[in-house]
Amino acid sequence: MTSAEKYQNTIDEAIARLISRAENSRELETADLQPRIASALEKYLFLDNEAASFADVKSFIDEIRADDLCLIIACERGDEKAWEDLVRSFDLTVKSAARKFAKNTEDAEDLAGSIWAELYGLKKDASGRLKTKLSYYSGRGSLAGWLRAVTNQLAVDQFRKESKFVQIEEAREFENLANESSENSDNNLVVAKSENPEDAFSAKQTRKDVSEALKQATSELVAEDKLILKLYYFDDLKLKDIGATLGFHEATASRKLVRIQTEIRKSVEKILRSRHGWKQEEVKRYLSDAASKLGISFEKLLAIFVIVALVQEIFGVGVL
């Protein structure tokens, strides 16, 4: 039994008071807040004081910022209105932190969009819920201050990560890359040419499988998703401009772009396994080896694959 379980009735009563004192409880119930409150108690109260009194528990929960915590938990639960409220209230906070790490305003806005995507969540846990940095907010301090700290850390992490990448011009260079590939059948794009005929045949078949998987994955995208990719990669629009064009916030544009890229990646891997008989380790190894040969990141390579597949669909050229 955890320490929190010993005080369950007191905790539940305090959570009920917390919800009642929130100006906007986001229609949350006691059960929605229990895991977060219990985790905060274990980390900040019981860790150093296993003999904490019922009064200590009550006081701890009564000091939690009700509206901030309800807002964050509602965002985690997929409440779009809560997410819109969070972005509207704290977008300037995030952009202010991003400007410390960006060369210009446009880069700062792009970085802010990426940070919002990180806060929203890029991966899912075993239960299918998005894993987000918001899950670390306990409600014990100012949400604005907490967001500034998280934004600073995410910006530093992203800056360090991107500083290791070999940058590739996105829009027109990708198109040229695809056209060159279609004009030169010996162009191996990302797989080094082999002197061994058997290896060469295998490499050619591998590229063919990936090309077909990408074409299928891209063709299955809904019209809006294809348009977002085209605007971002071909037309070289910033996330802010894409959002303005399609009628939503730049943070939403960033979220959508991340989701689309993730869906394409998963779809390609699934197609390679189910249709072409690839093993999971073969999929990972091929893409990782290809990225290594180009000296770029796995994610940057995936972006190249996506663009080449779009070129294939839009312009009707054969690639890979």
Protein backbone atom coordinates (compact mmCIF):
# COMPACT_ATOMS: atom_id res chain seq x y z
CA MET A 1 0.00 0.00 0.00
CA THR A 2 1.35 3.44 -0.95
CA SER A 3 1.35 6.32 1.48
CA ALA A 4 -1.34 8.04 -0.57
CA GLU A 5 -3.66 5.06 -0.17
CA LYS A 6 -3.53 5.40 3.62
CA TYR A 7 -5.05 8.86 3.33
CA GLN A 8 -7.52 8.10 0.53
CA ASN A 9 -10.62 9.61 2.17
CA THR A 10 -8.76 12.79 3.12
CA ILE A 11 -7.29 13.05 -0.38
CA ASP A 12 -10.67 12.56 -2.06
CA GLU A 13 -12.29 15.20 0.13
CA ALA A 14 -9.46 17.66 -0.59
CA ILE A 15 -9.68 17.00 -4.34
CA ALA A 16 -13.42 17.65 -4.23
CA ARG A 17 -12.70 21.01 -2.58
CA LEU A 18 -10.03 21.72 -5.19
CA ILE A 19 -12.52 21.15 -7.99
CA SER A 20 -15.16 23.29 -6.29
CA ARG A 21 -12.80 26.26 -5.89
CA ALA A 22 -11.71 26.23 -9.54
CA GLU A 23 -13.36 28.92 -11.64
CA ASN A 24 -13.37 26.45 -14.52
CA SER A 25 -13.09 22.82 -13.45
CA ARG A 26 -13.33 21.63 -17.10
CA GLU A 27 -16.03 19.17 -16.00
CA LEU A 28 -13.38 17.05 -14.31
CA GLU A 29 -14.25 14.68 -11.49
CA THR A 30 -12.33 13.53 -8.42
CA ALA A 31 -11.16 10.35 -10.18
CA ASP A 32 -9.62 12.43 -13.00
CA LEU A 33 -7.32 14.24 -10.57
CA GLN A 34 -6.53 11.39 -8.19
CA PRO A 35 -3.48 9.95 -10.04
CA ARG A 36 -1.81 13.37 -10.39
CA ILE A 37 -2.49 14.38 -6.80
CA ALA A 38 -1.30 11.01 -5.45
CA SER A 39 1.89 11.26 -7.50
CA ALA A 40 2.57 14.78 -6.22
CA LEU A 41 2.00 13.69 -2.63
CA GLU A 42 4.38 10.75 -2.97
CA LYS A 43 7.04 12.93 -4.55
CA TYR A 44 6.82 16.11 -2.52
CA LEU A 45 5.26 15.21 0.85
CA PHE A 46 5.62 11.53 1.74
CA LEU A 47 9.14 11.08 0.35
CA ASP A 48 10.69 13.00 3.23
CA ASN A 49 7.86 12.61 5.73
CA GLU A 50 6.26 9.17 5.82
CA ALA A 51 4.52 10.14 9.04
CA ALA A 52 2.75 13.12 7.51
CA SER A 53 -0.50 13.95 9.27
CA PHE A 54 -3.96 14.19 7.74
CA ALA A 55 -3.69 17.95 8.22
CA ASP A 56 -0.44 17.96 6.20
CA VAL A 57 -2.16 16.13 3.35
CA LYS A 58 -5.13 18.50 3.42
CA SER A 59 -2.87 21.57 3.50
CA PHE A 60 -0.74 20.26 0.63
CA ILE A 61 -3.74 19.76 -1.68
CA ASP A 62 -5.39 23.02 -0.62
CA GLU A 63 -2.29 24.90 -1.85
CA ILE A 64 -2.49 23.41 -5.36
CA ARG A 65 -3.52 25.85 -8.07
CA ALA A 66 -6.94 24.53 -8.96
CA ASP A 67 -7.57 26.21 -12.30
CA ASP A 68 -4.07 25.58 -13.62
CA LEU A 69 -4.13 21.90 -12.74
CA CYS A 70 -7.64 21.39 -14.13
CA LEU A 71 -6.59 23.10 -17.35
CA ILE A 72 -3.53 20.87 -17.78
CA ILE A 73 -5.34 17.63 -16.99
CA ALA A 74 -8.17 18.56 -19.35
CA CYS A 75 -5.58 19.13 -22.10
CA GLU A 76 -4.09 15.70 -21.43
CA ARG A 77 -7.54 14.16 -21.71
CA GLY A 78 -7.99 15.57 -25.20
CA ASP A 79 -10.21 18.56 -24.41
CA GLU A 80 -9.68 20.78 -27.47
CA LYS A 81 -11.26 23.82 -25.78
CA ALA A 82 -8.81 23.46 -22.89
CA TRP A 83 -5.93 23.19 -25.35
CA GLU A 84 -7.08 26.34 -27.14
CA ASP A 85 -7.28 28.15 -23.80
CA LEU A 86 -3.79 26.98 -22.85
CA VAL A 87 -2.27 28.17 -26.14
CA ARG A 88 -4.11 31.50 -26.03
CA SER A 89 -3.07 32.18 -22.44
CA PHE A 90 0.57 31.07 -22.64
CA ASP A 91 1.63 31.39 -26.29
CA LEU A 92 3.50 34.60 -25.54
CA THR A 93 5.31 32.85 -22.69
CA VAL A 94 6.49 30.09 -25.01
CA LYS A 95 7.46 32.47 -27.82
CA SER A 96 9.37 34.69 -25.40
CA ALA A 97 11.45 31.71 -24.30
CA ALA A 98 11.91 30.54 -27.88
CA ARG A 99 13.28 33.93 -28.96
CA LYS A 100 16.25 33.40 -26.65
CA PHE A 101 17.40 30.52 -28.86
CA ALA A 102 16.33 31.62 -32.36
CA LYS A 103 18.19 33.75 -34.89
CA ASN A 104 15.13 35.73 -35.95
CA THR A 105 11.40 36.11 -35.35
CA GLU A 106 10.39 33.53 -37.95
CA ASP A 107 12.71 30.92 -36.48
CA ALA A 108 11.40 31.74 -33.02
CA GLU A 109 7.82 31.18 -34.16
CA ASP A 110 8.76 27.89 -35.80
CA LEU A 111 10.55 26.80 -32.63
CA ALA A 112 7.56 27.80 -30.53
CA GLY A 113 5.32 25.69 -32.75
CA SER A 114 7.61 22.70 -32.29
CA ILE A 115 7.63 23.23 -28.54
CA TRP A 116 3.84 23.30 -28.44
CA ALA A 117 3.84 20.01 -30.32
CA GLU A 118 6.19 18.56 -27.70
CA LEU A 119 3.92 19.81 -24.94
CA TYR A 120 0.90 18.33 -26.71
CA GLY A 121 2.61 14.96 -27.03
CA LEU A 122 4.38 13.15 -29.86
CA LYS A 123 4.08 9.53 -28.76
CA LYS A 124 1.47 7.34 -27.12
CA ASP A 125 1.77 5.16 -24.05
CA ALA A 126 0.64 1.55 -23.74
CA SER A 127 -2.96 2.66 -23.13
CA GLY A 128 -3.01 4.75 -26.29
CA ARG A 129 -2.81 8.14 -24.57
CA LEU A 130 -0.40 10.80 -25.75
CA LYS A 131 2.77 11.07 -23.68
CA THR A 132 3.20 14.76 -22.97
CA LYS A 133 5.44 16.99 -20.90
CA LEU A 134 2.27 18.40 -19.36
CA SER A 135 2.03 15.26 -17.27
CA TYR A 136 4.86 16.58 -15.07
CA TYR A 137 2.91 19.62 -13.87
CA SER A 138 1.77 19.07 -10.29
CA GLY A 139 -0.11 22.32 -9.73
CA ARG A 140 2.13 23.31 -6.83
CA GLY A 141 3.56 26.37 -8.55
CA SER A 142 2.69 28.91 -11.20
CA LEU A 143 1.78 27.33 -14.54
CA ALA A 144 3.39 30.26 -16.35
CA GLY A 145 6.66 29.76 -14.46
CA TRP A 146 6.56 26.03 -15.02
CA LEU A 147 5.94 26.48 -18.75
CA ARG A 148 8.87 28.90 -19.02
CA ALA A 149 11.17 26.36 -17.40
CA VAL A 150 9.94 23.50 -19.58
CA THR A 151 10.11 25.65 -22.71
CA ASN A 152 13.67 26.65 -21.96
CA GLN A 153 14.70 23.03 -21.50
CA LEU A 154 12.91 21.85 -24.65
CA ALA A 155 14.44 24.68 -26.64
CA VAL A 156 17.93 23.79 -25.42
CA ASP A 157 17.35 20.10 -26.18
CA GLN A 158 16.08 20.89 -29.68
CA PHE A 159 18.94 23.29 -30.34
CA ARG A 160 21.48 20.66 -29.34
CA LYS A 161 19.76 18.03 -31.45
CA GLU A 162 19.47 20.20 -34.55
CA SER A 163 23.05 21.41 -34.26
CA LYS A 164 24.14 17.85 -35.06
CA PHE A 165 22.10 17.61 -38.24
CA VAL A 166 23.38 18.21 -41.74
CA GLN A 167 20.84 20.70 -42.98
CA ILE A 168 19.21 20.11 -46.35
CA GLU A 169 17.33 22.75 -48.32
CA GLU A 170 13.78 21.56 -48.16
CA ALA A 171 11.39 22.51 -50.92
CA ARG A 172 12.99 22.75 -54.36
CA GLU A 173 16.00 20.62 -53.54
CA PHE A 174 13.72 17.71 -52.74
CA GLU A 175 12.00 18.16 -56.10
CA ASN A 176 15.33 18.30 -57.91
CA LEU A 177 16.43 15.21 -56.02
CA ALA A 178 13.38 13.32 -57.23
CA ASN A 179 13.74 14.53 -60.83
CA GLU A 180 17.39 13.53 -60.91
CA SER A 181 16.44 10.12 -59.62
CA SER A 182 13.88 9.62 -62.38
CA GLU A 183 16.32 10.72 -65.08
CA ASN A 184 19.13 8.45 -63.91
CA SER A 185 18.10 4.86 -63.28
CA ASP A 186 21.47 4.19 -61.66
CA ASN A 187 20.91 6.88 -59.05
CA ASN A 188 20.66 5.02 -55.75
CA LEU A 189 19.64 8.10 -53.71
CA VAL A 190 20.25 6.77 -50.21
CA VAL A 191 21.70 3.30 -50.75
CA ALA A 192 25.32 3.14 -51.76
CA LYS A 193 26.00 1.37 -55.07
CA SER A 194 27.45 -2.10 -54.67
CA GLU A 195 30.02 -3.84 -56.83
CA ASN A 196 28.36 -7.18 -56.08
CA PRO A 197 25.53 -7.87 -58.64
CA GLU A 198 23.56 -9.83 -56.05
CA ASP A 199 23.83 -6.98 -53.55
CA ALA A 200 22.90 -4.50 -56.28
CA PHE A 201 19.75 -6.47 -57.10
CA SER A 202 18.85 -6.67 -53.43
CA ALA A 203 19.36 -2.92 -53.00
CA LYS A 204 17.22 -2.21 -56.05
CA GLN A 205 14.41 -4.41 -54.72
CA THR A 206 14.68 -2.76 -51.33
CA ARG A 207 14.28 0.69 -52.87
CA LYS A 208 11.35 -0.56 -54.91
CA ASP A 209 9.62 -1.89 -51.79
CA VAL A 210 10.14 1.38 -49.91
CA SER A 211 8.98 3.42 -52.90
CA GLU A 212 5.77 1.42 -53.19
CA ALA A 213 5.13 1.60 -49.45
CA LEU A 214 5.64 5.38 -49.43
CA LYS A 215 3.42 5.85 -52.44
CA GLN A 216 0.64 3.86 -50.81
CA ALA A 217 1.03 5.58 -47.43
CA THR A 218 0.99 9.02 -49.04
CA SER A 219 -1.97 8.24 -51.28
CA GLU A 220 -4.01 7.22 -48.23
CA LEU A 221 -3.61 10.63 -46.58
CA VAL A 222 -6.69 12.83 -46.46
CA ALA A 223 -6.65 15.95 -48.66
CA GLU A 224 -5.86 18.36 -45.81
CA ASP A 225 -2.86 16.31 -44.68
CA LYS A 226 -1.43 16.24 -48.22
CA LEU A 227 -1.95 19.99 -48.47
CA ILE A 228 -0.15 20.62 -45.17
CA LEU A 229 2.88 18.61 -46.36
CA LYS A 230 2.90 20.42 -49.69
CA LEU A 231 2.68 23.85 -48.07
CA TYR A 232 5.42 23.03 -45.57
CA TYR A 233 7.92 21.30 -47.86
CA PHE A 234 7.20 22.49 -51.40
CA ASP A 235 5.92 26.00 -50.78
CA ASP A 236 8.33 26.55 -47.86
CA LEU A 237 5.61 28.12 -45.69
CA LYS A 238 6.17 28.63 -41.99
CA LEU A 239 3.84 26.88 -39.56
CA LYS A 240 2.26 30.24 -38.73
CA ASP A 241 1.43 30.82 -42.40
CA ILE A 242 0.09 27.30 -42.87
CA GLY A 243 -2.20 27.82 -39.88
CA ALA A 244 -3.38 31.16 -41.25
CA THR A 245 -4.02 29.60 -44.67
CA LEU A 246 -6.05 26.72 -43.28
CA GLY A 247 -7.70 28.59 -40.43
CA PHE A 248 -6.03 27.34 -37.28
CA HIS A 249 -3.27 28.31 -34.83
CA GLU A 250 0.39 27.65 -35.68
CA ALA A 251 0.62 25.30 -32.69
CA THR A 252 -2.19 23.28 -34.23
CA ALA A 253 -0.33 23.28 -37.55
CA SER A 254 2.75 21.94 -35.76
CA ARG A 255 0.70 19.22 -34.06
CA LYS A 256 -0.86 18.21 -37.35
CA LEU A 257 2.51 18.05 -39.12
CA VAL A 258 3.99 15.84 -36.41
CA ARG A 259 0.93 13.59 -36.50
CA ILE A 260 1.08 13.24 -40.29
CA GLN A 261 4.78 12.36 -40.27
CA THR A 262 4.22 9.82 -37.50
CA GLU A 263 1.30 8.23 -39.34
CA ILE A 264 3.30 7.95 -42.56
CA ARG A 265 6.21 6.35 -40.77
CA LYS A 266 3.98 3.80 -39.06
CA SER A 267 2.08 3.11 -42.28
CA VAL A 268 5.28 2.55 -44.27
CA GLU A 269 6.66 0.17 -41.65
CA LYS A 270 3.36 -1.73 -41.57
CA ILE A 271 3.21 -2.02 -45.37
CA LEU A 272 6.82 -3.21 -45.60
CA ARG A 273 6.07 -5.91 -43.03
CA SER A 274 2.66 -7.07 -44.23
CA ARG A 275 2.93 -6.61 -48.01
CA HIS A 276 6.61 -7.13 -48.66
CA GLY A 277 7.44 -9.55 -45.87
CA TRP A 278 10.06 -7.36 -44.17
CA LYS A 279 10.95 -8.08 -40.58
CA GLN A 280 10.78 -5.22 -38.09
CA GLU A 281 14.55 -5.22 -37.60
CA GLU A 282 15.04 -4.99 -41.38
CA VAL A 283 12.84 -1.91 -41.56
CA LYS A 284 14.73 -0.17 -38.76
CA ARG A 285 18.14 -1.19 -40.11
CA TYR A 286 17.46 -0.05 -43.66
CA LEU A 287 16.25 3.40 -42.64
CA SER A 288 19.03 3.82 -40.06
CA ASP A 289 21.72 2.74 -42.55
CA ALA A 290 20.34 5.09 -45.17
CA ALA A 291 20.39 7.98 -42.70
CA SER A 292 23.95 7.14 -41.72
CA LYS A 293 25.10 7.21 -45.36
CA LEU A 294 23.66 10.69 -45.78
CA GLY A 295 25.02 11.89 -42.45
CA ILE A 296 21.61 13.07 -41.24
CA SER A 297 19.11 12.13 -38.57
CA PHE A 298 16.56 9.35 -38.85
CA GLU A 299 13.75 11.94 -38.74
CA LYS A 300 15.38 14.07 -41.45
CA LEU A 301 15.66 10.99 -43.65
CA LEU A 302 11.99 10.24 -43.10
CA ALA A 303 11.15 13.78 -44.21
CA ILE A 304 13.13 13.21 -47.42
CA PHE A 305 11.26 9.98 -48.06
CA VAL A 306 7.93 11.72 -47.53
CA ILE A 307 8.79 14.53 -49.92
CA VAL A 308 10.06 12.20 -52.61
CA ALA A 309 6.86 10.18 -52.31
CA LEU A 310 4.81 13.36 -52.68
CA VAL A 311 6.84 14.35 -55.74
CA GLN A 312 6.09 10.95 -57.19
CA GLU A 313 2.36 11.42 -56.65
CA ILE A 314 2.11 15.08 -57.64
CA PHE A 315 4.46 15.13 -60.62
CA GLY A 316 4.19 11.49 -61.66
CA VAL A 317 7.93 10.81 -61.62
CA GLY A 318 9.51 7.50 -60.68
CA VAL A 319 11.80 7.75 -57.69
CA LEU A 320 13.91 5.63 -55.42
